Amino acid sequence: MTALCATVTNFSQFFLARMGVGVGEAVLSPAAYSIISDSFPRNRLGLAMGVYGAGMAFMIGAVVIAAVANAETVTVPLLGVIKGWQVAFLVAGLPGLLIAFTFLLLPEPVRRITRGEEHLTGQVPMSAVTHYLNDNKIFFWSIFLAVGMVNLSVLGSISWLPVMMVRSFGMELANAGWLSGSLLIIGGLLGMVGGGALMDRLGGGSPESRLKFCAWATVVGIFGAVAFPLLENTILMSIAFVLFFTAAAVAVGAAPSVIQQLAPNRMRATISAAYVFVINIIGLGAGPTLTAVIGDNFFPFESGIRYAIAIVAPFGYIVGAILFFVAAKHIRTHKG
């Protein structure tokens, strides 16, 4: 469906194609989380979830956009002459077909049955999932909203990062795209791979230690969130942004790992779906728009977007850090 976006000729077709992408992505993560949880030991979930994490999409996507930023038109076999934005969709979407076929070769992992579920067969009714979530509502809502607020900061920042570089640092759009992509790659790898591996080691990879690690990482990330939009030096801005994004990448591996460790096996996918829904509604739904609204209404000048980012980025991290600490506190009262 992503590649199909490159062939559309009007808004209605584009809307339907993007809706199809959304449906596919909504199914992907809950199933992937469950498969990964059954395929790796509990004390290695942080690294596994981190490698899978959505940060990789940010990194690769930024590089693709940077690569086609200066391309007015490109000649593609079968499609003829197309525009740069269409190339971005093709490059991002077509490899997915090959990856999809590789899933047919993956063996079905042995399900890790949660204690107390041995007697259960078939699908767990939705009422049972709702009852379980209600019994642990503070714990789960704290995690859902914490990651949602981190996503609010990240998506509210990276959606406008190239624009900020162009307006505040006088960069060409292509150079801004390349720098944005490079910073996302560095921060993503540090947070997802490095942070995930470190979480697995600290506290034996227990859910409580993961949440505390995530909370403190977000606290440290607040300094980067405050600094990077306001710094005048490109190098210092880049360092501060890497610190900011690394903290977000840590949460990508931490939160799903905790959910998979604690949720009953037969409820994991449904709870993960709720998690993905909440964090995307907050992050994708509100983040970029909130930054734009603040910039347009309170900083209506060329470089005003940097000040809007300087408000949204630390705000989401502050709220997210508090909620991670709340979740870590209530994990001890979790009811299985």
Protein backbone atom coordinates (compact mmCIF):
# COMPACT_ATOMS: atom_id res chain seq x y z
CA MET A 1 0.00 0.00 0.00
CA THR A 2 2.92 2.35 0.61
CA ALA A 3 4.21 1.82 -2.93
CA LEU A 4 0.68 2.27 -4.25
CA CYS A 5 0.75 5.83 -2.89
CA ALA A 6 3.25 6.65 -5.65
CA THR A 7 0.66 5.92 -8.34
CA VAL A 8 -2.25 8.03 -7.10
CA THR A 9 -3.59 10.94 -9.13
CA ASN A 10 -5.97 12.63 -6.68
CA PHE A 11 -6.56 13.15 -2.97
CA SER A 12 -9.26 10.49 -2.63
CA GLN A 13 -6.96 7.78 -3.99
CA PHE A 14 -4.14 8.97 -1.77
CA PHE A 15 -6.44 8.98 1.29
CA LEU A 16 -7.56 5.40 0.65
CA ALA A 17 -4.01 4.20 0.04
CA ARG A 18 -2.78 5.77 3.27
CA MET A 19 -5.74 4.27 5.10
CA GLY A 20 -4.62 0.87 3.84
CA VAL A 21 -1.13 1.53 5.19
CA GLY A 22 -2.64 2.38 8.55
CA VAL A 23 -4.64 -0.85 8.65
CA GLY A 24 -1.54 -2.91 7.90
CA GLU A 25 0.59 -1.14 10.48
CA ALA A 26 -2.13 -1.47 13.11
CA VAL A 27 -2.06 -5.25 12.68
CA LEU A 28 1.73 -5.50 12.50
CA SER A 29 2.97 -4.34 15.90
CA PRO A 30 0.63 -6.30 18.22
CA ALA A 31 1.44 -9.52 16.35
CA ALA A 32 5.15 -8.71 16.18
CA TYR A 33 5.37 -7.96 19.90
CA SER A 34 3.78 -11.30 20.73
CA ILE A 35 6.03 -13.26 18.33
CA ILE A 36 9.17 -11.55 19.65
CA SER A 37 8.11 -12.25 23.23
CA ASP A 38 7.80 -15.96 22.47
CA SER A 39 11.05 -16.04 20.51
CA PHE A 40 13.43 -14.48 23.03
CA PRO A 41 14.12 -15.03 26.74
CA ARG A 42 12.44 -12.52 29.02
CA ASN A 43 15.78 -11.04 30.06
CA ARG A 44 16.64 -10.29 26.41
CA LEU A 45 13.39 -8.63 25.37
CA GLY A 46 14.75 -5.10 25.69
CA LEU A 47 17.30 -5.54 22.93
CA ALA A 48 14.91 -7.54 20.73
CA MET A 49 12.12 -4.96 21.05
CA GLY A 50 14.59 -2.15 20.56
CA VAL A 51 15.87 -3.54 17.27
CA TYR A 52 12.30 -4.01 16.07
CA GLY A 53 11.19 -0.59 17.34
CA ALA A 54 9.53 2.13 15.35
CA GLY A 55 12.68 4.27 15.57
CA MET A 56 14.08 2.29 12.64
CA ALA A 57 11.25 3.61 10.48
CA PHE A 58 12.18 7.16 11.43
CA MET A 59 15.82 6.54 10.57
CA ILE A 60 15.33 4.86 7.19
CA GLY A 61 12.50 7.20 6.25
CA ALA A 62 14.61 10.27 6.96
CA VAL A 63 17.40 8.93 4.74
CA VAL A 64 14.95 8.20 1.90
CA ILE A 65 13.46 11.69 2.11
CA ALA A 66 16.90 13.25 2.16
CA ALA A 67 17.95 11.26 -0.89
CA VAL A 68 15.05 12.51 -3.04
CA ALA A 69 14.77 16.00 -1.59
CA ASN A 70 16.42 17.69 -4.59
CA ALA A 71 14.91 15.43 -7.25
CA GLU A 72 12.37 17.29 -9.36
CA THR A 73 11.54 14.26 -11.52
CA VAL A 74 12.89 10.72 -11.86
CA THR A 75 12.41 8.23 -14.68
CA VAL A 76 11.23 4.84 -13.40
CA PRO A 77 10.64 1.73 -15.56
CA LEU A 78 6.92 1.03 -16.20
CA LEU A 79 5.85 4.24 -14.46
CA GLY A 80 7.80 6.69 -16.62
CA VAL A 81 8.66 10.15 -15.29
CA ILE A 82 7.52 10.65 -11.69
CA LYS A 83 8.17 13.26 -9.02
CA GLY A 84 10.52 13.01 -6.06
CA TRP A 85 7.78 12.43 -3.49
CA GLN A 86 6.54 9.47 -5.52
CA VAL A 87 10.03 7.97 -5.55
CA ALA A 88 10.07 8.18 -1.74
CA PHE A 89 6.95 6.02 -1.52
CA LEU A 90 8.32 3.48 -3.99
CA VAL A 91 11.67 3.17 -2.22
CA ALA A 92 9.98 2.82 1.16
CA GLY A 93 7.26 0.43 0.01
CA LEU A 94 8.61 -2.04 -2.54
CA PRO A 95 11.20 -3.71 -0.24
CA GLY A 96 8.29 -4.51 2.06
CA LEU A 97 7.04 -7.07 -0.47
CA LEU A 98 10.28 -9.04 -0.18
CA ILE A 99 10.25 -8.79 3.60
CA ALA A 100 6.63 -9.99 3.68
CA PHE A 101 7.55 -13.17 1.81
CA THR A 102 10.36 -13.94 4.28
CA PHE A 103 7.76 -14.20 7.05
CA LEU A 104 6.42 -17.32 5.34
CA LEU A 105 9.77 -18.97 6.14
CA LEU A 106 9.75 -18.13 9.84
CA PRO A 107 8.84 -21.04 12.15
CA GLU A 108 5.97 -20.62 14.56
CA PRO A 109 7.48 -19.94 18.01
CA VAL A 110 6.54 -22.06 21.02
CA ARG A 111 3.97 -20.15 23.02
CA ARG A 112 5.00 -19.21 26.56
CA ILE A 113 1.90 -19.98 28.60
CA THR A 114 1.39 -17.65 31.54
CA ARG A 115 0.93 -19.29 34.93
CA GLY A 116 -2.77 -19.87 35.51
CA GLU A 117 -3.60 -20.11 31.81
CA GLU A 118 -2.83 -23.80 31.36
CA HIS A 119 -6.51 -24.74 31.40
CA LEU A 120 -7.59 -22.11 28.88
CA THR A 121 -8.31 -22.99 25.25
CA GLY A 122 -9.48 -20.84 22.37
CA GLN A 123 -9.77 -17.08 22.27
CA VAL A 124 -10.06 -15.10 25.48
CA PRO A 125 -13.29 -13.05 25.48
CA MET A 126 -12.94 -9.28 25.29
CA SER A 127 -14.72 -8.96 28.62
CA ALA A 128 -11.84 -10.85 30.29
CA VAL A 129 -9.27 -8.51 28.72
CA THR A 130 -11.27 -5.48 29.84
CA HIS A 131 -11.55 -6.89 33.35
CA TYR A 132 -7.79 -7.50 33.51
CA LEU A 133 -7.01 -3.98 32.28
CA ASN A 134 -9.46 -2.48 34.76
CA ASP A 135 -7.80 -4.37 37.63
CA ASN A 136 -4.45 -2.85 36.59
CA LYS A 137 -5.68 0.44 35.15
CA ILE A 138 -3.20 2.78 36.83
CA PHE A 139 -0.26 0.64 35.78
CA PHE A 140 -1.26 0.20 32.12
CA TRP A 141 -2.60 3.71 31.60
CA SER A 142 0.62 5.10 33.03
CA ILE A 143 2.67 3.15 30.46
CA PHE A 144 0.32 3.94 27.56
CA LEU A 145 0.24 7.66 28.31
CA ALA A 146 3.96 7.87 29.15
CA VAL A 147 4.98 6.53 25.74
CA GLY A 148 2.22 8.60 24.13
CA MET A 149 3.66 11.79 25.61
CA VAL A 150 7.19 10.82 24.54
CA ASN A 151 5.80 10.26 21.04
CA LEU A 152 4.10 13.66 21.22
CA SER A 153 7.49 15.28 21.84
CA VAL A 154 9.35 13.25 19.23
CA LEU A 155 6.84 13.51 16.40
CA GLY A 156 6.13 17.12 17.24
CA SER A 157 9.86 17.78 16.84
CA ILE A 158 11.14 15.58 14.01
CA SER A 159 8.20 16.49 11.76
CA TRP A 160 9.50 20.07 11.77
CA LEU A 161 13.22 19.43 12.29
CA PRO A 162 14.29 19.97 8.63
CA VAL A 163 12.11 23.09 8.49
CA MET A 164 13.79 24.41 11.65
CA MET A 165 17.22 23.76 10.15
CA VAL A 166 16.33 25.60 6.95
CA ARG A 167 14.76 28.60 8.69
CA SER A 168 17.10 28.93 11.67
CA PHE A 169 20.43 27.77 10.23
CA GLY A 170 20.00 28.72 6.58
CA MET A 171 20.54 25.16 5.34
CA GLU A 172 19.47 23.86 1.96
CA LEU A 173 16.54 21.46 2.24
CA ALA A 174 18.59 18.49 1.00
CA ASN A 175 21.36 19.14 3.54
CA ALA A 176 18.79 19.53 6.30
CA GLY A 177 17.28 16.19 5.28
CA TRP A 178 20.64 14.42 5.33
CA LEU A 179 21.56 15.86 8.72
CA SER A 180 18.15 14.99 10.18
CA GLY A 181 18.45 11.42 8.91
CA SER A 182 21.98 11.05 10.29
CA LEU A 183 20.97 12.31 13.73
CA LEU A 184 17.99 9.95 13.83
CA ILE A 185 20.21 7.01 12.90
CA ILE A 186 22.73 7.81 15.64
CA GLY A 187 20.14 8.47 18.35
CA GLY A 188 18.03 5.50 17.31
CA LEU A 189 20.90 3.05 17.44
CA LEU A 190 22.14 4.37 20.78
CA GLY A 191 18.70 4.19 22.34
CA MET A 192 17.27 1.07 20.76
CA VAL A 193 20.28 -1.21 20.60
CA GLY A 194 22.46 0.25 23.34
CA GLY A 195 19.61 1.12 25.66
CA GLY A 196 17.85 -2.19 25.06
CA ALA A 197 20.98 -4.20 25.80
CA LEU A 198 21.70 -2.16 28.94
CA MET A 199 18.14 -2.60 30.21
CA ASP A 200 18.47 -6.35 29.84
CA ARG A 201 21.52 -6.30 32.09
CA LEU A 202 20.30 -3.93 34.79
CA GLY A 203 18.07 -5.61 37.36
CA GLY A 204 18.05 -8.84 35.40
CA GLY A 205 15.66 -7.33 32.85
CA SER A 206 12.81 -7.13 35.38
CA PRO A 207 9.79 -5.01 34.41
CA GLU A 208 10.36 -2.61 37.30
CA SER A 209 14.00 -2.01 36.37
CA ARG A 210 13.02 -1.46 32.73
CA LEU A 211 10.48 1.20 33.67
CA LYS A 212 12.86 2.98 36.03
CA PHE A 213 15.56 2.94 33.35
CA CYS A 214 13.09 4.37 30.87
CA ALA A 215 12.00 7.05 33.36
CA TRP A 216 15.54 8.21 34.06
CA ALA A 217 16.42 8.12 30.37
CA THR A 218 13.47 10.43 29.71
CA VAL A 219 14.61 12.75 32.51
CA VAL A 220 18.05 13.00 30.88
CA GLY A 221 16.38 13.52 27.50
CA ILE A 222 14.59 16.60 28.85
CA PHE A 223 17.90 18.49 28.80
CA GLY A 224 18.32 17.70 25.12
CA ALA A 225 14.69 18.61 24.44
CA VAL A 226 15.13 22.07 25.96
CA ALA A 227 18.50 22.72 24.35
CA PHE A 228 18.44 21.52 20.75
CA PRO A 229 15.77 23.91 19.36
CA LEU A 230 17.42 26.95 20.95
CA LEU A 231 21.12 26.38 20.30
CA GLU A 232 22.66 28.54 17.57
CA ASN A 233 25.58 26.25 16.78
CA THR A 234 24.84 23.38 14.39
CA ILE A 235 27.20 20.93 16.08
CA LEU A 236 25.87 21.64 19.58
CA MET A 237 22.31 21.43 18.28
CA SER A 238 23.07 18.04 16.74
CA ILE A 239 24.56 16.68 19.97
CA ALA A 240 21.58 17.90 21.99
CA PHE A 241 19.14 16.37 19.49
CA VAL A 242 20.88 12.98 19.63
CA LEU A 243 20.51 13.08 23.43
CA PHE A 244 16.82 13.94 23.02
CA PHE A 245 16.08 11.22 20.47
CA THR A 246 18.13 8.54 22.23
CA ALA A 247 15.84 8.86 25.25
CA ALA A 248 12.79 8.31 23.06
CA ALA A 249 14.35 5.28 21.40
CA VAL A 250 14.87 3.74 24.84
CA ALA A 251 11.12 3.90 25.49
CA VAL A 252 10.41 2.11 22.21
CA GLY A 253 12.08 -1.03 23.58
CA ALA A 254 11.16 -0.64 27.24
CA ALA A 255 7.38 -0.27 27.21
CA PRO A 256 6.48 -3.15 24.86
CA SER A 257 8.90 -5.41 26.73
CA VAL A 258 7.19 -4.71 30.04
CA ILE A 259 3.74 -5.31 28.56
CA GLN A 260 4.83 -8.63 27.06
CA GLN A 261 6.44 -9.72 30.32
CA LEU A 262 3.37 -9.03 32.47
CA ALA A 263 0.30 -9.47 30.26
CA PRO A 264 -1.24 -12.96 30.12
CA ASN A 265 -0.18 -14.80 26.96
CA ARG A 266 -3.65 -14.95 25.43
CA MET A 267 -4.25 -11.25 26.05
CA ARG A 268 -0.91 -9.86 24.88
CA ALA A 269 -1.86 -9.02 21.30
CA THR A 270 -5.10 -7.28 22.31
CA ILE A 271 -3.39 -5.24 25.03
CA SER A 272 -0.57 -4.38 22.64
CA ALA A 273 -3.16 -3.19 20.11
CA ALA A 274 -4.64 -0.87 22.73
CA TYR A 275 -1.13 0.37 23.52
CA VAL A 276 -0.33 1.09 19.86
CA PHE A 277 -3.68 2.85 19.41
CA VAL A 278 -3.16 5.17 22.37
CA ILE A 279 0.45 6.13 21.61
CA ASN A 280 -0.34 6.83 17.94
CA ILE A 281 -3.44 8.89 18.71
CA ILE A 282 -1.36 11.08 21.01
CA GLY A 283 1.91 11.09 19.07
CA LEU A 284 0.86 11.07 15.43
CA GLY A 285 -2.51 12.67 16.02
CA ALA A 286 -1.46 15.59 18.20
CA GLY A 287 2.33 16.02 18.06
CA PRO A 288 2.99 17.64 14.66
CA THR A 289 -0.25 19.64 14.78
CA LEU A 290 0.38 20.98 18.29
CA THR A 291 3.82 22.26 17.29
CA ALA A 292 2.40 23.93 14.19
CA VAL A 293 -0.47 25.55 16.10
CA ILE A 294 1.86 26.95 18.76
CA GLY A 295 4.27 28.22 16.12
CA ASP A 296 1.59 29.88 14.00
CA ASN A 297 -0.23 31.53 16.90
CA PHE A 298 2.54 32.52 19.32
CA PHE A 299 5.68 32.73 17.17
CA PRO A 300 4.48 33.92 13.73
CA PHE A 301 7.88 34.69 12.26
CA GLU A 302 10.31 32.71 10.09
CA SER A 303 12.31 31.04 12.87
CA GLY A 304 9.32 30.72 15.19
CA ILE A 305 9.05 26.96 14.71
CA ARG A 306 12.15 26.43 16.88
CA TYR A 307 10.42 28.06 19.85
CA ALA A 308 7.31 25.95 19.33
CA ILE A 309 9.49 22.83 19.36
CA ALA A 310 11.22 24.14 22.51
CA ILE A 311 7.83 24.07 24.24
CA VAL A 312 6.40 20.79 22.92
CA ALA A 313 9.58 18.68 23.21
CA PRO A 314 10.31 19.13 26.94
CA PHE A 315 6.61 19.21 27.88
CA GLY A 316 5.96 15.69 26.60
CA TYR A 317 9.14 14.35 28.19
CA ILE A 318 8.38 15.85 31.60
CA VAL A 319 4.90 14.32 31.67
CA GLY A 320 6.23 11.04 30.25
CA ALA A 321 8.97 10.74 32.90
CA ILE A 322 6.47 11.28 35.71
CA LEU A 323 4.17 8.61 34.29
CA PHE A 324 7.02 6.11 33.91
CA PHE A 325 7.85 6.55 37.60
CA VAL A 326 4.15 6.06 38.45
CA ALA A 327 4.07 2.84 36.40
CA ALA A 328 7.23 1.56 38.11
CA LYS A 329 5.66 2.23 41.51
CA HIS A 330 2.41 0.41 40.70
CA ILE A 331 4.09 -2.60 39.13
CA ARG A 332 4.38 -4.13 42.61
CA THR A 333 0.58 -4.16 42.91
CA HIS A 334 0.09 -5.69 39.45
CA LYS A 335 -2.58 -8.38 39.42
CA GLY A 336 -1.96 -11.26 37.04
